[in-house]
C-alpha cells in the first residue's frame, strides 16, 4: 500500500496515493551550469519527474540558484558531511534536500537543517545507505544488515518527529537486492512517510537494470514505494529514467509512451526478426502516446498471442500481416513490414484514433493466412474450437443429467 503521508517536491506530489514519481541524478559537476542543465533537460524529456544534483562544494551550491530557476523539473540537492551546504542549497532555491544520517554530523546539525526547511516550507529526504550507516550501527550491520538499515531510518524518523517536522520522505538502500526488499518491507510497516526506493550502486546498464527490476519490481508489486531511482554506472542519466519507466509500465502503475511486445523467436521463424524488432523499437521512440505494438515471428500464432495490442505485425519468409487489436488489416511483403506498420499507425492518429480497414485487403490477408496455416499449431482460435466441440459432445451425452447412486450390498 502507498504511504499515508504525502509531501510535495516542487509541484510533484509524493506518497499518499500519488503516482509513483520517477527521478534520477545528474552525472555532471553541478558547478558546470550549462552541462548540468543540458542533462536535466534530457532526463526531463525522457520522463523524469524530478532530478537530484550533487552538492559537495560551495561552488555547486552557488550554481543551484541558476539551475533551479532554469530547470523544467524540481531540483533535489544531495548533501553529505557538510550540513552548511544543505542550508546554502535551500537558500539557492532547491525544492528538496537529501541528507544522510550516517554522515551529516549529529542531531544539532540536523536541527539546523530542519529549521531552515520549516522556514521555507520545503521537504527533506532522509537517505540511509548500507555503505554509510551511523557508527553505532556498524556492528549490527554485519550481524543483521536489514535490521541495521531499518534501525538507522527509524532513529532518524524519531529525531524528525522530536523536532516536530513531518515534511520528509525516507530511503533505505542496499547493493543487495534481498536486503533492499526485506528492509523496505519492514520499514513500510513501521512508518507512514513516503518511501524513495532503489537498489544502490546496482551496476552496469545491463546487470543494474536487471537487479533494479527484480528489487523495485517486487516492492512496487507489493504496493511499496512512492518514488524510484535506478542507479546505473552510466554517464547518460536518461538511461536510468527509461529503465524506471519500463518497470512502472510493466506493472501498469503508470503509462508513458509505447509498449513493445516481441516474441522470443523459435524454429518457426523465417525472417530477420532481430533487425525488425530493433527498428520498430527505434521508431517508436518518436511517439509519445502509450500505444502498444507487437512484433511476432509467426504468421499464424501472431494475432492470437498479442491480440490485445493496438497494432502489430506477424512475419513469415516472404510475406507478413499487419493487424490492430487482434483483427487483420492487410498483408504486405516482409521487407516492408516495418514501413507499412508505421504507415497504419500514422493513419490511426490522423483519423482521430480510428483503425481504418479496407475489406478487400482484410479478405486477402485472411486468405493468405489460411493458405499458409500450420495445421499442427495450437492457435487460440483452434483451442476455442476444440473447447466448443467438447462442450457440444458433453451436451449430447446419453447420461447427461442422470443421478447415480451406489447400490447397497
Protein backbone atom coordinates (compact mmCIF):
# COMPACT_ATOMS: atom_id res chain seq x y z
CA UNK A 1 0.00 0.00 0.00
CA UNK A 2 1.22 3.58 -0.64
CA UNK A 3 2.43 5.66 2.27
CA UNK A 4 -0.17 7.50 4.31
CA UNK A 5 1.63 10.85 4.31
CA UNK A 6 2.17 12.98 1.23
CA UNK A 7 4.79 15.63 0.52
CA UNK A 8 5.40 17.89 -2.46
CA UNK A 9 8.77 18.36 -4.11
CA UNK A 10 8.05 21.48 -6.08
CA UNK A 11 4.78 20.65 -7.81
CA UNK A 12 5.33 16.87 -7.70
CA UNK A 13 3.26 15.01 -5.08
CA UNK A 14 4.97 12.02 -3.48
CA UNK A 15 3.16 9.48 -1.32
CA UNK A 16 -0.42 9.42 -0.15
CA UNK A 17 -1.62 7.58 -3.25
CA UNK A 18 0.05 9.85 -5.83
CA UNK A 19 1.52 8.17 -8.95
CA UNK A 20 4.99 6.74 -8.37
CA UNK A 21 7.39 9.57 -9.22
CA UNK A 22 10.43 8.90 -11.41
CA UNK A 23 13.71 10.56 -10.57
CA UNK A 24 17.38 10.33 -11.40
CA UNK A 25 20.63 12.13 -10.56
CA UNK A 26 22.81 14.29 -12.77
CA UNK A 27 26.28 12.96 -13.61
CA UNK A 28 27.87 16.35 -14.24
CA UNK A 29 29.68 18.66 -11.85
CA UNK A 30 26.83 20.81 -10.61
CA UNK A 31 29.02 23.92 -10.79
CA UNK A 32 29.12 23.39 -14.58
CA UNK A 33 25.74 25.03 -15.01
CA UNK A 34 25.28 24.57 -18.75
CA UNK A 35 26.31 20.89 -18.78
CA UNK A 36 24.07 20.21 -15.79
CA UNK A 37 21.08 21.98 -17.30
CA UNK A 38 21.58 20.16 -20.60
CA UNK A 39 21.45 16.82 -18.79
CA UNK A 40 18.44 17.90 -16.74
CA UNK A 41 16.57 18.75 -19.93
CA UNK A 42 17.42 15.34 -21.38
CA UNK A 43 16.15 13.47 -18.33
CA UNK A 44 13.02 15.61 -18.27
CA UNK A 45 12.38 14.72 -21.92
CA UNK A 46 12.88 11.04 -21.01
CA UNK A 47 10.19 11.32 -18.33
CA UNK A 48 11.90 12.27 -15.06
CA UNK A 49 9.53 13.99 -12.64
CA UNK A 50 12.39 15.39 -10.54
CA UNK A 51 16.18 15.27 -10.51
CA UNK A 52 18.90 15.27 -7.86
CA UNK A 53 22.18 17.20 -8.09
CA UNK A 54 25.29 16.51 -6.01
CA UNK A 55 26.39 19.49 -3.91
CA UNK A 56 29.82 18.64 -2.42
CA UNK A 57 31.29 22.16 -2.74
CA UNK A 58 30.31 25.80 -2.25
CA UNK A 59 30.57 26.37 -6.00
CA UNK A 60 27.91 23.70 -6.55
CA UNK A 61 25.56 25.34 -4.05
CA UNK A 62 26.06 28.70 -5.76
CA UNK A 63 25.25 27.17 -9.15
CA UNK A 64 21.94 25.82 -7.85
CA UNK A 65 20.25 29.22 -7.99
CA UNK A 66 20.55 29.33 -11.79
CA UNK A 67 19.86 25.62 -12.20
CA UNK A 68 16.67 25.77 -10.11
CA UNK A 69 15.46 28.81 -12.00
CA UNK A 70 16.00 27.29 -15.45
CA UNK A 71 15.22 23.61 -14.78
CA UNK A 72 11.97 22.24 -16.24
CA UNK A 73 11.57 19.88 -13.25
CA UNK A 74 12.11 20.21 -9.46
CA UNK A 75 15.66 20.00 -8.10
CA UNK A 76 16.77 17.94 -5.09
CA UNK A 77 20.17 18.85 -3.60
CA UNK A 78 22.22 15.87 -2.46
CA UNK A 79 24.26 16.64 0.67
CA UNK A 80 26.80 14.56 2.59
CA UNK A 81 29.03 15.53 5.52
CA UNK A 82 28.65 19.31 5.41
CA UNK A 83 25.30 20.47 6.79
CA UNK A 84 26.04 24.10 5.85
CA UNK A 85 25.77 23.07 2.20
CA UNK A 86 22.22 21.94 2.90
CA UNK A 87 21.42 25.41 4.23
CA UNK A 88 23.02 27.03 1.18
CA UNK A 89 21.13 24.67 -1.14
CA UNK A 90 17.84 25.72 0.44
CA UNK A 91 18.83 29.37 0.13
CA UNK A 92 19.58 28.76 -3.56
CA UNK A 93 16.02 27.53 -4.06
CA UNK A 94 16.40 23.73 -4.01
CA UNK A 95 12.95 22.17 -3.87
CA UNK A 96 14.17 19.42 -1.53
CA UNK A 97 17.41 18.49 0.23
CA UNK A 98 18.70 14.98 0.82
CA UNK A 99 20.76 14.38 3.97
CA UNK A 100 22.39 11.16 5.15
CA UNK A 101 22.03 10.35 8.87
CA UNK A 102 25.27 8.39 8.75
CA UNK A 103 27.47 11.35 7.94
CA UNK A 104 25.64 14.67 8.34
CA UNK A 105 27.18 15.42 11.74
CA UNK A 106 24.74 14.76 14.58
CA UNK A 107 21.36 15.93 15.91
CA UNK A 108 22.33 19.59 16.30
CA UNK A 109 23.33 19.82 12.64
CA UNK A 110 20.10 18.08 11.63
CA UNK A 111 18.10 20.53 13.74
CA UNK A 112 19.65 23.45 11.89
CA UNK A 113 18.70 21.96 8.52
CA UNK A 114 15.17 21.16 9.72
CA UNK A 115 14.73 24.73 10.97
CA UNK A 116 15.59 26.10 7.53
CA UNK A 117 13.28 23.57 5.82
CA UNK A 118 10.44 24.59 8.15
CA UNK A 119 11.07 28.26 7.50
CA UNK A 120 10.90 27.77 3.74
CA UNK A 121 8.17 25.11 3.75
CA UNK A 122 10.27 22.62 1.82
CA UNK A 123 10.77 18.87 2.32
CA UNK A 124 13.77 16.76 3.23
CA UNK A 125 14.79 13.31 2.13
CA UNK A 126 16.37 11.06 4.72
CA UNK A 127 18.75 8.84 2.76
CA UNK A 128 20.11 5.77 4.53
CA UNK A 129 22.66 3.65 2.63
CA UNK A 130 24.16 0.33 3.67
CA UNK A 131 27.61 1.74 2.94
CA UNK A 132 27.31 4.75 5.25
CA UNK A 133 25.41 3.74 8.37
CA UNK A 134 25.91 5.62 11.65
CA UNK A 135 28.91 4.36 13.60
CA UNK A 136 26.89 2.82 16.43
CA UNK A 137 25.16 0.51 13.92
CA UNK A 138 28.27 -0.78 12.14
CA UNK A 139 28.50 -3.94 14.25
CA UNK A 140 24.80 -4.68 13.81
CA UNK A 141 25.27 -4.29 10.08
CA UNK A 142 27.46 -7.39 9.99
CA UNK A 143 25.09 -9.44 12.17
CA UNK A 144 21.78 -8.28 10.64
CA UNK A 145 22.13 -5.80 7.77
CA UNK A 146 18.37 -5.48 7.27
CA UNK A 147 17.76 -4.60 10.92
CA UNK A 148 20.66 -2.14 10.81
CA UNK A 149 19.18 -0.31 7.81
CA UNK A 150 15.72 -0.13 9.32
CA UNK A 151 17.04 0.93 12.74
CA UNK A 152 19.02 3.78 11.19
CA UNK A 153 15.96 5.01 9.33
CA UNK A 154 13.63 4.73 12.31
CA UNK A 155 16.08 6.53 14.61
CA UNK A 156 16.24 9.40 12.17
CA UNK A 157 12.45 9.47 11.76
CA UNK A 158 12.12 9.69 15.53
CA UNK A 159 14.54 12.62 15.55
CA UNK A 160 12.45 14.37 12.89
CA UNK A 161 9.34 13.85 14.97
CA UNK A 162 11.04 15.21 18.10
CA UNK A 163 11.84 18.28 16.04
CA UNK A 164 8.13 18.41 15.09
CA UNK A 165 8.92 18.02 11.40
CA UNK A 166 6.95 15.64 9.16
CA UNK A 167 7.61 17.07 5.70
CA UNK A 168 10.02 14.37 4.59
CA UNK A 169 10.48 11.12 2.71
CA UNK A 170 12.75 8.21 3.59
CA UNK A 171 15.01 5.91 1.61
CA UNK A 172 16.93 2.85 2.73
CA UNK A 173 19.12 1.35 0.04
CA UNK A 174 21.49 -1.56 -0.27
CA UNK A 175 23.55 -3.07 -3.05
CA UNK A 176 21.89 -6.37 -2.06
CA UNK A 177 18.54 -6.93 -3.74
CA UNK A 178 17.19 -9.26 -0.98
CA UNK A 179 18.24 -6.78 1.72
CA UNK A 180 16.66 -3.89 -0.16
CA UNK A 181 13.39 -5.79 -0.44
CA UNK A 182 13.34 -7.01 3.17
CA UNK A 183 14.30 -3.68 4.72
CA UNK A 184 11.74 -1.66 2.76
CA UNK A 185 9.01 -4.15 3.57
CA UNK A 186 9.86 -3.86 7.25
CA UNK A 187 10.09 -0.07 7.18
CA UNK A 188 6.80 0.31 5.32
CA UNK A 189 5.09 -1.40 8.27
CA UNK A 190 6.66 0.96 10.78
CA UNK A 191 6.37 4.48 9.38
CA UNK A 192 3.69 6.44 7.47
CA UNK A 193 6.12 8.59 5.49
CA UNK A 194 6.72 8.36 1.71
CA UNK A 195 9.39 5.90 0.62
CA UNK A 196 12.00 6.55 -2.04
CA UNK A 197 13.18 3.14 -3.25
CA UNK A 198 16.19 1.99 -5.21
CA UNK A 199 18.99 -0.56 -5.36
CA UNK A 200 22.11 1.50 -4.77
CA UNK A 201 25.17 1.05 -6.99
CA UNK A 202 23.21 -1.53 -8.97
CA UNK A 203 25.80 -1.94 -11.72
CA UNK A 204 26.00 -1.53 -15.48
CA UNK A 205 23.09 -0.73 -17.74
CA UNK A 206 22.58 -4.47 -18.28
CA UNK A 207 23.15 -6.00 -14.86
CA UNK A 208 21.98 -2.93 -12.94
CA UNK A 209 18.72 -2.78 -14.85
CA UNK A 210 18.03 -6.44 -14.06
CA UNK A 211 18.83 -6.04 -10.35
CA UNK A 212 16.69 -2.92 -10.16
CA UNK A 213 13.79 -4.54 -11.98
CA UNK A 214 13.84 -7.51 -9.60
CA UNK A 215 14.21 -5.45 -6.43
CA UNK A 216 11.99 -2.47 -7.20
CA UNK A 217 9.50 -4.51 -9.19
CA UNK A 218 8.98 -6.78 -6.19
CA UNK A 219 8.42 -3.84 -3.85
CA UNK A 220 6.17 -1.95 -6.24
CA UNK A 221 4.09 -5.08 -6.84
CA UNK A 222 3.63 -5.19 -3.05
CA UNK A 223 2.44 -1.58 -3.14
CA UNK A 224 5.64 -0.29 -1.52
CA UNK A 225 7.42 2.74 -2.95
CA UNK A 226 6.31 6.29 -3.75
CA UNK A 227 9.25 7.42 -5.88
CA UNK A 228 12.02 5.44 -7.56
CA UNK A 229 15.54 5.98 -8.82
CA UNK A 230 17.51 3.49 -10.90
CA UNK A 231 21.25 3.66 -10.10
CA UNK A 232 23.37 2.65 -13.09
CA UNK A 233 27.03 3.05 -13.95
CA UNK A 234 26.42 5.31 -16.93
CA UNK A 235 27.02 8.96 -17.73
CA UNK A 236 23.66 9.06 -19.53
CA UNK A 237 21.20 9.75 -16.71
CA UNK A 238 18.29 9.47 -19.14
CA UNK A 239 19.00 5.74 -19.38
CA UNK A 240 18.11 5.40 -15.70
CA UNK A 241 14.83 7.18 -16.38
CA UNK A 242 14.00 4.88 -19.27
CA UNK A 243 14.55 1.78 -17.11
CA UNK A 244 12.39 3.23 -14.34
CA UNK A 245 9.57 3.81 -16.78
CA UNK A 246 9.80 0.32 -18.20
CA UNK A 247 9.41 -1.09 -14.68
CA UNK A 248 6.38 1.09 -13.98
CA UNK A 249 4.84 0.28 -17.37
CA UNK A 250 5.40 -3.45 -16.90
CA UNK A 251 3.47 -3.29 -13.62
CA UNK A 252 0.85 -0.98 -15.21
CA UNK A 253 1.45 1.59 -12.49
CA UNK A 254 1.94 4.41 -14.98
CA UNK A 255 1.68 4.84 -18.71
CA UNK A 256 4.07 6.80 -20.88
CA UNK A 257 4.99 6.21 -24.47
CA UNK A 258 4.75 3.00 -26.46
CA UNK A 259 4.93 -0.55 -25.12
CA UNK A 260 6.68 -3.08 -27.35
CA UNK A 261 5.72 -6.77 -27.35
CA UNK A 262 8.12 -9.09 -29.16
CA UNK A 263 8.19 -12.86 -29.35
CA UNK A 264 11.35 -14.69 -28.24
CA UNK A 265 11.66 -16.46 -31.61
CA UNK A 266 11.81 -20.20 -32.22
CA UNK A 267 12.37 -22.70 -35.01
CA UNK A 268 9.31 -21.41 -36.89
CA UNK A 269 11.00 -18.04 -37.53
CA UNK A 270 11.61 -17.35 -41.23
CA UNK A 271 12.73 -13.70 -41.32
CA UNK A 272 15.31 -11.41 -39.67
CA UNK A 273 13.29 -10.56 -36.60
CA UNK A 274 16.22 -9.11 -34.63
CA UNK A 275 16.59 -6.33 -37.19
CA UNK A 276 12.85 -5.76 -37.39
CA UNK A 277 12.36 -5.52 -33.62
CA UNK A 278 15.29 -3.14 -33.26
CA UNK A 279 13.93 -0.90 -36.00
CA UNK A 280 10.40 -0.90 -34.56
CA UNK A 281 11.74 -0.02 -31.11
CA UNK A 282 13.83 2.82 -32.55
CA UNK A 283 10.95 4.31 -34.49
CA UNK A 284 8.54 4.01 -31.58
CA UNK A 285 10.73 6.46 -29.64
CA UNK A 286 9.24 9.22 -31.79
CA UNK A 287 5.74 8.57 -30.39
CA UNK A 288 4.59 9.95 -27.06
CA UNK A 289 1.23 8.17 -26.86
CA UNK A 290 1.07 4.97 -24.74
CA UNK A 291 0.40 2.76 -27.77
CA UNK A 292 1.06 -0.99 -27.56
CA UNK A 293 2.78 -2.60 -30.55
CA UNK A 294 3.65 -6.26 -31.05
CA UNK A 295 6.17 -7.93 -33.33
CA UNK A 296 5.63 -11.67 -33.76
CA UNK A 297 7.68 -14.14 -35.74
CA UNK A 298 4.86 -16.48 -36.76
CA UNK A 299 2.16 -15.50 -39.22
CA UNK A 300 -0.41 -17.87 -37.70
CA UNK A 301 0.17 -17.56 -33.95
CA UNK A 302 0.96 -13.86 -34.00
CA UNK A 303 -2.56 -12.49 -33.87
CA UNK A 304 -3.67 -14.78 -31.08
CA UNK A 305 -0.54 -14.24 -28.98
CA UNK A 306 -0.81 -10.46 -28.97
CA UNK A 307 -4.48 -9.88 -29.67
CA UNK A 308 -4.69 -7.02 -27.18
CA UNK A 309 -2.00 -4.92 -28.86
CA UNK A 310 -3.12 -1.73 -30.56
CA UNK A 311 -1.04 -2.61 -33.62
CA UNK A 312 1.26 -5.41 -34.63
CA UNK A 313 2.97 -7.37 -37.32
CA UNK A 314 3.46 -11.08 -37.80
CA UNK A 315 6.06 -12.09 -40.33
CA UNK A 316 6.92 -15.05 -42.47
CA UNK A 317 9.57 -15.77 -45.12
CA UNK A 318 8.29 -13.55 -47.93
CA UNK A 319 5.04 -12.11 -46.63
CA UNK A 320 3.53 -10.96 -43.35
CA UNK A 321 0.40 -9.36 -41.96
CA UNK A 322 -0.46 -6.16 -40.12
CA UNK A 323 -3.23 -6.19 -37.57
CA UNK A 324 -4.87 -3.96 -34.98
CA UNK A 325 -6.50 -5.16 -31.76
CA UNK A 326 -6.41 -8.76 -32.98
CA UNK A 327 -8.07 -8.07 -36.32
CA UNK A 328 -6.34 -8.19 -39.69
CA UNK A 329 -5.67 -5.07 -41.72
CA UNK A 330 -3.66 -6.33 -44.70
CA UNK A 331 -0.75 -8.45 -45.88
CA UNK A 332 2.50 -6.90 -47.08
CA UNK A 333 5.90 -8.15 -48.25
CA UNK A 334 8.12 -8.96 -45.27
CA UNK A 335 10.71 -6.42 -46.42
CA UNK A 336 8.11 -3.66 -46.00
CA UNK A 337 6.51 -4.79 -42.75
CA UNK A 338 8.01 -2.05 -40.60
CA UNK A 339 7.33 0.81 -43.01
CA UNK A 340 3.75 -0.29 -43.57
CA UNK A 341 3.16 -0.84 -39.85
CA UNK A 342 4.06 2.78 -39.11
CA UNK A 343 2.01 3.96 -42.07
CA UNK A 344 -1.03 2.33 -40.43
CA UNK A 345 -0.15 3.81 -37.03
CA UNK A 346 0.13 7.29 -38.56
CA UNK A 347 -3.23 6.86 -40.31
CA UNK A 348 -4.73 5.82 -36.97
CA UNK A 349 -3.66 9.05 -35.30
CA UNK A 350 -4.55 11.19 -38.33
CA UNK A 351 -8.10 9.80 -38.29
CA UNK A 352 -8.66 10.54 -34.60
CA UNK A 353 -7.57 7.14 -33.33
CA UNK A 354 -9.73 5.10 -35.67
CA UNK A 355 -8.44 1.88 -37.22
CA UNK A 356 -9.01 2.12 -40.97
CA UNK A 357 -9.63 -1.16 -42.77
CA UNK A 358 -10.27 -2.00 -46.41
CA UNK A 359 -12.37 -5.14 -46.51
CA UNK A 360 -10.78 -6.40 -49.71
CA UNK A 361 -7.33 -6.13 -48.11
CA UNK A 362 -8.59 -7.87 -44.97
CA UNK A 363 -10.00 -10.74 -47.05
CA UNK A 364 -6.75 -11.06 -48.99
CA UNK A 365 -4.77 -11.25 -45.75
CA UNK A 366 -7.17 -13.83 -44.30
CA UNK A 367 -6.85 -15.99 -47.39
CA UNK A 368 -3.05 -15.81 -47.21
CA UNK A 369 -3.14 -16.90 -43.57
CA UNK A 370 -5.43 -19.80 -44.40
CA UNK A 371 -3.18 -20.97 -47.22
CA UNK A 372 -0.09 -20.82 -45.02
CA UNK A 373 -1.61 -22.21 -41.83
CA UNK A 374 0.32 -24.77 -39.83
CA UNK A 375 -2.31 -27.37 -39.08
CA UNK A 376 -0.37 -28.58 -36.05
CA UNK A 377 -0.15 -25.14 -34.40
CA UNK A 378 -2.44 -24.77 -31.41
CA UNK A 379 -3.69 -21.24 -32.02
CA UNK A 380 -6.18 -19.58 -29.65
CA UNK A 381 -8.82 -19.90 -32.35
CA UNK A 382 -8.21 -23.64 -32.70
CA UNK A 383 -8.26 -24.10 -28.93
CA UNK A 384 -11.60 -22.29 -28.76
CA UNK A 385 -12.99 -24.52 -31.50
CA UNK A 386 -11.84 -27.67 -29.68
CA UNK A 387 -13.41 -26.47 -26.45
CA UNK A 388 -16.68 -25.74 -28.24
CA UNK A 389 -16.66 -29.20 -29.80
CA UNK A 390 -16.04 -30.79 -26.41
CA UNK A 391 -18.93 -28.85 -24.92
CA UNK A 392 -21.15 -29.95 -27.77
CA UNK A 393 -20.29 -33.62 -27.18
CA UNK A 394 -21.00 -33.20 -23.48
CA UNK A 395 -24.42 -31.73 -24.28
CA UNK A 396 -25.22 -34.85 -26.36
CA UNK A 397 -24.13 -37.31 -23.66
CA UNK A 398 -26.78 -40.04 -23.09
CA UNK A 399 -26.18 -39.92 -19.34
CA UNK A 400 -26.23 -36.12 -19.01
CA UNK A 401 -28.43 -35.10 -16.09
CA UNK A 402 -28.79 -38.54 -14.55
CA UNK A 403 -28.15 -39.18 -10.89
CA UNK A 404 -26.23 -42.30 -9.99
CA UNK A 405 -26.24 -43.90 -6.56
CA UNK A 406 -24.22 -46.83 -5.36
CA UNK A 407 -26.46 -49.82 -4.60
CA UNK A 408 -26.16 -51.05 -1.03
CA UNK A 409 -24.80 -54.55 -0.52
